[in-house]
Amino acid sequence: MCTILIKTWSQAISEALPIRTAVFIREQGVPEDLELDEFDENADHALAYIGLACVGTARLIQLSDGKGQIGRMAVLEPYRRRGIGAELLYALMDHGKAHEISALKLHAQVLAIPFYEKLGFQAYGDIYDEAGIPHRNMILLLQ
């Protein structure tokens, strides 16, 4: 369906940033000053391509406790509901396993919880506000 490549931030920024801007800032109203953070530079970034067009992105931050955190997952609107988000997650799951990460955490937008549950993530804790959007923590243990 699509090709997923894992890149550093310096390799990914020119393709990932426009997608994140379109989805998070323009569509969802996330304040621009909250979208980029100090974690981008050291994260591994998954980029989804259809042909030569980059249409989706997500990142994996390796945490000090042997876990990883997935975030900034976005697929351009015309390409949603085609399995691209799942392919991004599967690629980051494989990447995490290859780097001896034992579990993946994420801050799921409440509306996206069913999507993540289908891929094996489990919700825990209370719903909270992040950038004006309701979120809930989720985790997936890697085998």
N, C-alpha and C. Protein backbone atom coordinates (compact mmCIF):
# COMPACT_ATOMS: atom_id res chain seq x y z
N MET A 1 0.82 -1.19 0.00
CA MET A 1 0.00 0.00 0.00
C MET A 1 0.86 1.25 0.00
N CYS A 2 1.75 1.37 0.98
CA CYS A 2 2.65 2.52 1.01
C CYS A 2 4.01 2.04 1.48
N THR A 3 4.98 2.90 1.37
CA THR A 3 6.34 2.62 1.82
C THR A 3 6.59 3.45 3.06
N ILE A 4 7.17 2.81 4.08
CA ILE A 4 7.51 3.52 5.32
C ILE A 4 9.03 3.57 5.43
N LEU A 5 9.56 4.76 5.67
CA LEU A 5 10.99 4.94 5.91
C LEU A 5 11.17 5.58 7.28
N ILE A 6 12.18 5.13 8.00
CA ILE A 6 12.53 5.71 9.30
C ILE A 6 13.71 6.66 9.06
N LYS A 7 13.56 7.90 9.53
CA LYS A 7 14.58 8.91 9.30
C LYS A 7 14.85 9.69 10.59
N THR A 8 16.00 10.36 10.60
CA THR A 8 16.31 11.31 11.67
C THR A 8 15.50 12.58 11.41
N TRP A 9 15.44 13.46 12.41
CA TRP A 9 14.69 14.71 12.24
C TRP A 9 15.29 15.57 11.12
N SER A 10 16.61 15.64 11.04
CA SER A 10 17.21 16.46 9.99
C SER A 10 16.87 15.92 8.60
N GLN A 11 16.69 14.60 8.48
CA GLN A 11 16.28 14.00 7.21
C GLN A 11 14.77 14.13 6.98
N ALA A 12 13.99 14.19 8.05
CA ALA A 12 12.53 14.12 7.95
C ALA A 12 11.83 15.47 7.96
N ILE A 13 12.46 16.49 8.51
CA ILE A 13 11.77 17.75 8.79
C ILE A 13 11.08 18.35 7.57
N SER A 14 11.71 18.31 6.41
CA SER A 14 11.13 18.98 5.23
C SER A 14 9.85 18.30 4.76
N GLU A 15 9.66 17.01 5.11
CA GLU A 15 8.45 16.30 4.71
C GLU A 15 7.47 16.16 5.87
N ALA A 16 7.98 15.93 7.08
CA ALA A 16 7.11 15.71 8.24
C ALA A 16 6.46 17.01 8.72
N LEU A 17 7.21 18.08 8.75
CA LEU A 17 6.68 19.33 9.30
C LEU A 17 5.46 19.85 8.53
N PRO A 18 5.45 19.85 7.20
CA PRO A 18 4.24 20.30 6.50
C PRO A 18 3.00 19.43 6.81
N ILE A 19 3.21 18.14 7.01
CA ILE A 19 2.08 17.25 7.36
C ILE A 19 1.58 17.59 8.76
N ARG A 20 2.49 17.71 9.70
CA ARG A 20 2.10 18.04 11.07
C ARG A 20 1.44 19.40 11.14
N THR A 21 1.93 20.36 10.38
CA THR A 21 1.32 21.69 10.35
C THR A 21 -0.11 21.61 9.81
N ALA A 22 -0.30 20.88 8.71
CA ALA A 22 -1.63 20.75 8.11
C ALA A 22 -2.61 20.09 9.08
N VAL A 23 -2.18 19.02 9.72
CA VAL A 23 -3.10 18.24 10.57
C VAL A 23 -3.28 18.88 11.93
N PHE A 24 -2.20 19.15 12.63
CA PHE A 24 -2.31 19.61 14.01
C PHE A 24 -2.66 21.09 14.12
N ILE A 25 -1.98 21.92 13.37
CA ILE A 25 -2.19 23.37 13.52
C ILE A 25 -3.42 23.83 12.75
N ARG A 26 -3.49 23.49 11.46
CA ARG A 26 -4.60 24.00 10.65
C ARG A 26 -5.91 23.25 10.91
N GLU A 27 -5.89 21.92 10.95
CA GLU A 27 -7.14 21.16 11.14
C GLU A 27 -7.60 21.18 12.59
N GLN A 28 -6.68 20.92 13.53
CA GLN A 28 -7.07 20.69 14.91
C GLN A 28 -6.88 21.90 15.81
N GLY A 29 -6.27 22.95 15.31
CA GLY A 29 -6.12 24.17 16.08
C GLY A 29 -5.09 24.12 17.20
N VAL A 30 -4.12 23.21 17.11
CA VAL A 30 -3.05 23.17 18.10
C VAL A 30 -2.20 24.43 17.93
N PRO A 31 -1.90 25.12 19.04
CA PRO A 31 -1.06 26.31 18.93
C PRO A 31 0.30 25.97 18.30
N GLU A 32 0.73 26.81 17.38
CA GLU A 32 1.97 26.53 16.64
C GLU A 32 3.16 26.36 17.57
N ASP A 33 3.21 27.11 18.66
CA ASP A 33 4.36 27.02 19.56
C ASP A 33 4.38 25.73 20.37
N LEU A 34 3.30 24.95 20.35
CA LEU A 34 3.27 23.66 21.05
C LEU A 34 3.59 22.49 20.13
N GLU A 35 3.53 22.70 18.82
CA GLU A 35 3.66 21.58 17.90
C GLU A 35 5.10 21.04 17.83
N LEU A 36 6.07 21.88 17.68
CA LEU A 36 7.47 21.44 17.69
C LEU A 36 7.95 21.43 19.14
N ASP A 37 8.79 20.44 19.47
CA ASP A 37 9.32 20.40 20.83
C ASP A 37 10.74 19.87 20.83
N GLU A 38 11.29 19.77 22.01
CA GLU A 38 12.69 19.36 22.17
C GLU A 38 12.92 17.88 21.86
N PHE A 39 11.86 17.10 21.69
CA PHE A 39 12.01 15.66 21.45
C PHE A 39 12.22 15.31 19.97
N ASP A 40 11.84 16.20 19.07
CA ASP A 40 11.96 15.89 17.64
C ASP A 40 13.39 15.54 17.24
N GLU A 41 14.35 16.30 17.74
CA GLU A 41 15.74 16.14 17.33
C GLU A 41 16.28 14.74 17.60
N ASN A 42 15.88 14.12 18.71
CA ASN A 42 16.41 12.80 19.07
C ASN A 42 15.46 11.65 18.78
N ALA A 43 14.31 11.94 18.23
CA ALA A 43 13.33 10.89 17.91
C ALA A 43 13.65 10.26 16.56
N ASP A 44 13.13 9.07 16.37
CA ASP A 44 13.14 8.41 15.07
C ASP A 44 11.79 8.71 14.43
N HIS A 45 11.81 9.17 13.19
CA HIS A 45 10.59 9.61 12.51
C HIS A 45 10.24 8.65 11.40
N ALA A 46 9.01 8.12 11.44
CA ALA A 46 8.50 7.25 10.38
C ALA A 46 7.74 8.12 9.39
N LEU A 47 8.06 7.96 8.11
CA LEU A 47 7.38 8.70 7.06
C LEU A 47 6.72 7.72 6.11
N ALA A 48 5.48 7.98 5.75
CA ALA A 48 4.71 7.12 4.84
C ALA A 48 4.66 7.77 3.46
N TYR A 49 5.00 6.98 2.46
CA TYR A 49 5.02 7.47 1.08
C TYR A 49 4.06 6.66 0.21
N ILE A 50 3.35 7.38 -0.62
CA ILE A 50 2.62 6.77 -1.73
C ILE A 50 3.30 7.33 -2.97
N GLY A 51 4.00 6.45 -3.66
CA GLY A 51 4.86 6.92 -4.74
C GLY A 51 5.93 7.81 -4.14
N LEU A 52 6.10 8.99 -4.68
CA LEU A 52 7.09 9.94 -4.16
C LEU A 52 6.51 10.90 -3.14
N ALA A 53 5.20 10.87 -2.94
CA ALA A 53 4.53 11.81 -2.04
C ALA A 53 4.55 11.30 -0.60
N CYS A 54 5.05 12.14 0.30
CA CYS A 54 4.99 11.82 1.73
C CYS A 54 3.61 12.24 2.24
N VAL A 55 2.87 11.28 2.80
CA VAL A 55 1.47 11.53 3.18
C VAL A 55 1.20 11.32 4.66
N GLY A 56 2.18 10.83 5.41
CA GLY A 56 1.97 10.58 6.83
C GLY A 56 3.27 10.55 7.59
N THR A 57 3.17 10.76 8.89
CA THR A 57 4.36 10.77 9.74
C THR A 57 3.99 10.39 11.17
N ALA A 58 4.96 9.89 11.90
CA ALA A 58 4.85 9.61 13.34
C ALA A 58 6.27 9.55 13.87
N ARG A 59 6.42 9.69 15.18
CA ARG A 59 7.76 9.63 15.74
C ARG A 59 7.82 8.67 16.91
N LEU A 60 9.01 8.19 17.20
CA LEU A 60 9.27 7.31 18.34
C LEU A 60 10.42 7.90 19.14
N ILE A 61 10.13 8.17 20.41
CA ILE A 61 11.13 8.67 21.35
C ILE A 61 11.53 7.51 22.24
N GLN A 62 12.83 7.24 22.33
CA GLN A 62 13.30 6.20 23.24
C GLN A 62 13.47 6.82 24.63
N LEU A 63 12.74 6.26 25.60
CA LEU A 63 12.78 6.75 26.97
C LEU A 63 13.84 6.01 27.77
N SER A 64 14.25 6.57 28.87
CA SER A 64 15.34 5.99 29.67
C SER A 64 14.94 4.71 30.39
N ASP A 65 13.65 4.43 30.51
CA ASP A 65 13.20 3.23 31.24
C ASP A 65 13.02 2.01 30.34
N GLY A 66 13.58 2.04 29.14
CA GLY A 66 13.44 0.90 28.23
C GLY A 66 12.14 0.91 27.44
N LYS A 67 11.35 1.95 27.64
CA LYS A 67 10.10 2.09 26.90
C LYS A 67 10.29 3.14 25.80
N GLY A 68 9.30 3.21 24.93
CA GLY A 68 9.31 4.23 23.90
C GLY A 68 7.99 4.96 23.89
N GLN A 69 7.99 6.16 23.35
CA GLN A 69 6.75 6.92 23.25
C GLN A 69 6.52 7.33 21.81
N ILE A 70 5.36 6.93 21.30
CA ILE A 70 4.94 7.30 19.96
C ILE A 70 4.17 8.61 20.04
N GLY A 71 4.39 9.47 19.08
CA GLY A 71 3.67 10.73 19.07
C GLY A 71 3.71 11.39 17.72
N ARG A 72 3.04 12.53 17.64
CA ARG A 72 2.98 13.35 16.43
C ARG A 72 2.61 12.52 15.20
N MET A 73 1.65 11.61 15.41
CA MET A 73 1.18 10.77 14.31
C MET A 73 0.12 11.53 13.52
N ALA A 74 0.35 11.67 12.21
CA ALA A 74 -0.56 12.43 11.36
C ALA A 74 -0.53 11.88 9.94
N VAL A 75 -1.70 11.79 9.35
CA VAL A 75 -1.84 11.40 7.94
C VAL A 75 -2.68 12.49 7.27
N LEU A 76 -2.23 12.93 6.11
CA LEU A 76 -2.98 13.96 5.39
C LEU A 76 -4.39 13.49 5.10
N GLU A 77 -5.35 14.38 5.20
CA GLU A 77 -6.77 14.04 5.12
C GLU A 77 -7.15 13.20 3.89
N PRO A 78 -6.69 13.49 2.68
CA PRO A 78 -7.12 12.68 1.53
C PRO A 78 -6.65 11.21 1.59
N TYR A 79 -5.69 10.92 2.48
CA TYR A 79 -5.10 9.57 2.54
C TYR A 79 -5.55 8.78 3.77
N ARG A 80 -6.45 9.30 4.55
CA ARG A 80 -6.91 8.60 5.75
C ARG A 80 -7.85 7.45 5.38
N ARG A 81 -7.98 6.54 6.33
CA ARG A 81 -8.83 5.35 6.20
C ARG A 81 -8.37 4.42 5.09
N ARG A 82 -7.06 4.41 4.86
CA ARG A 82 -6.44 3.51 3.87
C ARG A 82 -5.43 2.57 4.53
N GLY A 83 -5.34 2.61 5.86
CA GLY A 83 -4.40 1.74 6.57
C GLY A 83 -3.02 2.34 6.76
N ILE A 84 -2.83 3.59 6.35
CA ILE A 84 -1.51 4.21 6.44
C ILE A 84 -1.11 4.43 7.90
N GLY A 85 -2.04 4.85 8.74
CA GLY A 85 -1.74 5.03 10.16
C GLY A 85 -1.29 3.72 10.80
N ALA A 86 -1.96 2.63 10.46
CA ALA A 86 -1.57 1.32 10.99
C ALA A 86 -0.18 0.94 10.49
N GLU A 87 0.12 1.22 9.24
CA GLU A 87 1.44 0.89 8.71
C GLU A 87 2.53 1.69 9.41
N LEU A 88 2.25 2.97 9.70
CA LEU A 88 3.20 3.77 10.46
C LEU A 88 3.45 3.15 11.83
N LEU A 89 2.38 2.75 12.51
CA LEU A 89 2.53 2.15 13.84
C LEU A 89 3.27 0.82 13.79
N TYR A 90 2.94 -0.03 12.82
CA TYR A 90 3.65 -1.31 12.70
C TYR A 90 5.14 -1.09 12.47
N ALA A 91 5.48 -0.11 11.65
CA ALA A 91 6.89 0.18 11.40
C ALA A 91 7.58 0.63 12.68
N LEU A 92 6.91 1.46 13.48
CA LEU A 92 7.52 1.91 14.72
C LEU A 92 7.57 0.79 15.76
N MET A 93 6.59 -0.11 15.74
CA MET A 93 6.65 -1.28 16.63
C MET A 93 7.87 -2.13 16.28
N ASP A 94 8.07 -2.40 15.01
CA ASP A 94 9.23 -3.20 14.58
C ASP A 94 10.53 -2.48 14.93
N HIS A 95 10.56 -1.19 14.71
CA HIS A 95 11.75 -0.39 15.01
C HIS A 95 12.03 -0.43 16.52
N GLY A 96 10.98 -0.32 17.31
CA GLY A 96 11.14 -0.39 18.76
C GLY A 96 11.69 -1.74 19.21
N LYS A 97 11.14 -2.82 18.67
CA LYS A 97 11.64 -4.16 19.02
C LYS A 97 13.11 -4.29 18.66
N ALA A 98 13.49 -3.79 17.48
CA ALA A 98 14.88 -3.88 17.04
C ALA A 98 15.82 -3.08 17.94
N HIS A 99 15.29 -2.10 18.65
CA HIS A 99 16.09 -1.29 19.56
C HIS A 99 15.82 -1.65 21.03
N GLU A 100 15.30 -2.86 21.24
CA GLU A 100 15.10 -3.44 22.57
C GLU A 100 14.19 -2.61 23.46
N ILE A 101 13.20 -2.00 22.86
CA ILE A 101 12.18 -1.28 23.61
C ILE A 101 11.13 -2.30 24.07
N SER A 102 10.77 -2.27 25.34
CA SER A 102 9.87 -3.29 25.90
C SER A 102 8.39 -2.93 25.79
N ALA A 103 8.10 -1.65 25.69
CA ALA A 103 6.70 -1.20 25.62
C ALA A 103 6.64 0.15 24.92
N LEU A 104 5.52 0.38 24.28
CA LEU A 104 5.29 1.66 23.61
C LEU A 104 4.13 2.37 24.29
N LYS A 105 4.34 3.63 24.62
CA LYS A 105 3.29 4.45 25.21
C LYS A 105 2.90 5.51 24.19
N LEU A 106 1.70 6.05 24.37
CA LEU A 106 1.29 7.19 23.56
C LEU A 106 0.19 7.95 24.25
N HIS A 107 0.02 9.19 23.85
CA HIS A 107 -1.07 10.05 24.32
C HIS A 107 -2.09 10.08 23.19
N ALA A 108 -3.14 9.30 23.31
CA ALA A 108 -4.14 9.17 22.24
C ALA A 108 -5.21 10.23 22.37
N GLN A 109 -5.54 10.86 21.26
CA GLN A 109 -6.73 11.67 21.25
C GLN A 109 -7.90 10.72 21.50
N VAL A 110 -8.84 11.13 22.33
CA VAL A 110 -9.93 10.23 22.73
C VAL A 110 -10.66 9.65 21.51
N LEU A 111 -10.87 10.45 20.49
CA LEU A 111 -11.55 9.96 19.29
C LEU A 111 -10.75 8.88 18.56
N ALA A 112 -9.44 8.81 18.78
CA ALA A 112 -8.59 7.83 18.10
C ALA A 112 -8.36 6.56 18.92
N ILE A 113 -8.89 6.50 20.13
CA ILE A 113 -8.66 5.32 20.98
C ILE A 113 -9.08 4.02 20.30
N PRO A 114 -10.24 3.93 19.65
CA PRO A 114 -10.60 2.67 18.99
C PRO A 114 -9.59 2.23 17.92
N PHE A 115 -9.01 3.17 17.20
CA PHE A 115 -7.97 2.85 16.22
C PHE A 115 -6.78 2.19 16.90
N TYR A 116 -6.29 2.77 17.98
CA TYR A 116 -5.13 2.21 18.68
C TYR A 116 -5.47 0.88 19.35
N GLU A 117 -6.70 0.74 19.86
CA GLU A 117 -7.10 -0.53 20.49
C GLU A 117 -7.06 -1.67 19.48
N LYS A 118 -7.46 -1.41 18.25
CA LYS A 118 -7.41 -2.46 17.21
C LYS A 118 -5.99 -2.96 16.97
N LEU A 119 -5.01 -2.13 17.28
CA LEU A 119 -3.61 -2.50 17.07
C LEU A 119 -2.96 -3.03 18.35
N GLY A 120 -3.77 -3.21 19.40
CA GLY A 120 -3.27 -3.84 20.62
C GLY A 120 -2.96 -2.92 21.78
N PHE A 121 -3.09 -1.62 21.61
CA PHE A 121 -2.83 -0.69 22.70
C PHE A 121 -3.98 -0.74 23.70
N GLN A 122 -3.64 -0.52 24.97
CA GLN A 122 -4.65 -0.51 26.03
C GLN A 122 -4.64 0.86 26.72
N ALA A 123 -5.83 1.42 26.90
CA ALA A 123 -5.97 2.72 27.56
C ALA A 123 -5.82 2.55 29.07
N TYR A 124 -5.24 3.56 29.71
CA TYR A 124 -5.16 3.58 31.17
C TYR A 124 -5.18 5.03 31.65
N GLY A 125 -5.61 5.19 32.88
CA GLY A 125 -5.64 6.51 33.49
C GLY A 125 -6.84 7.34 33.03
N ASP A 126 -6.89 8.53 33.52
CA ASP A 126 -8.00 9.44 33.25
C ASP A 126 -7.81 10.19 31.94
N ILE A 127 -8.88 10.73 31.42
CA ILE A 127 -8.84 11.60 30.26
C ILE A 127 -8.32 12.97 30.73
N TYR A 128 -7.47 13.58 29.91
CA TYR A 128 -6.89 14.88 30.25
C TYR A 128 -6.82 15.75 28.99
N ASP A 129 -6.59 17.02 29.19
CA ASP A 129 -6.49 17.97 28.09
C ASP A 129 -5.03 18.13 27.66
N GLU A 130 -4.80 18.04 26.38
CA GLU A 130 -3.48 18.31 25.83
C GLU A 130 -3.69 19.19 24.59
N ALA A 131 -3.19 20.39 24.62
CA ALA A 131 -3.34 21.36 23.52
C ALA A 131 -4.80 21.59 23.15
N GLY A 132 -5.69 21.54 24.17
CA GLY A 132 -7.10 21.80 23.93
C GLY A 132 -7.88 20.62 23.39
N ILE A 133 -7.27 19.43 23.37
CA ILE A 133 -7.90 18.22 22.83
C ILE A 133 -7.90 17.14 23.92
N PRO A 134 -9.05 16.46 24.16
CA PRO A 134 -9.07 15.38 25.16
C PRO A 134 -8.18 14.21 24.73
N HIS A 135 -7.36 13.75 25.66
CA HIS A 135 -6.43 12.64 25.43
C HIS A 135 -6.54 11.61 26.56
N ARG A 136 -6.03 10.43 26.28
CA ARG A 136 -5.89 9.39 27.31
C ARG A 136 -4.62 8.61 27.00
N ASN A 137 -3.90 8.20 28.02
CA ASN A 137 -2.68 7.44 27.83
C ASN A 137 -3.01 6.01 27.39
N MET A 138 -2.13 5.45 26.57
CA MET A 138 -2.27 4.07 26.11
C MET A 138 -0.88 3.44 26.12
N ILE A 139 -0.87 2.09 26.19
CA ILE A 139 0.38 1.35 26.21
C ILE A 139 0.24 0.05 25.43
N LEU A 140 1.34 -0.39 24.86
CA LEU A 140 1.41 -1.67 24.17
C LEU A 140 2.70 -2.35 24.59
N LEU A 141 2.60 -3.56 25.17
CA LEU A 141 3.79 -4.32 25.51
C LEU A 141 4.30 -5.01 24.27
N LEU A 142 5.59 -4.87 23.99
CA LEU A 142 6.19 -5.51 22.83
C LEU A 142 6.74 -6.88 23.23
N GLN A 143 6.52 -7.87 22.41
CA GLN A 143 6.99 -9.24 22.70
C GLN A 143 8.37 -9.46 22.11
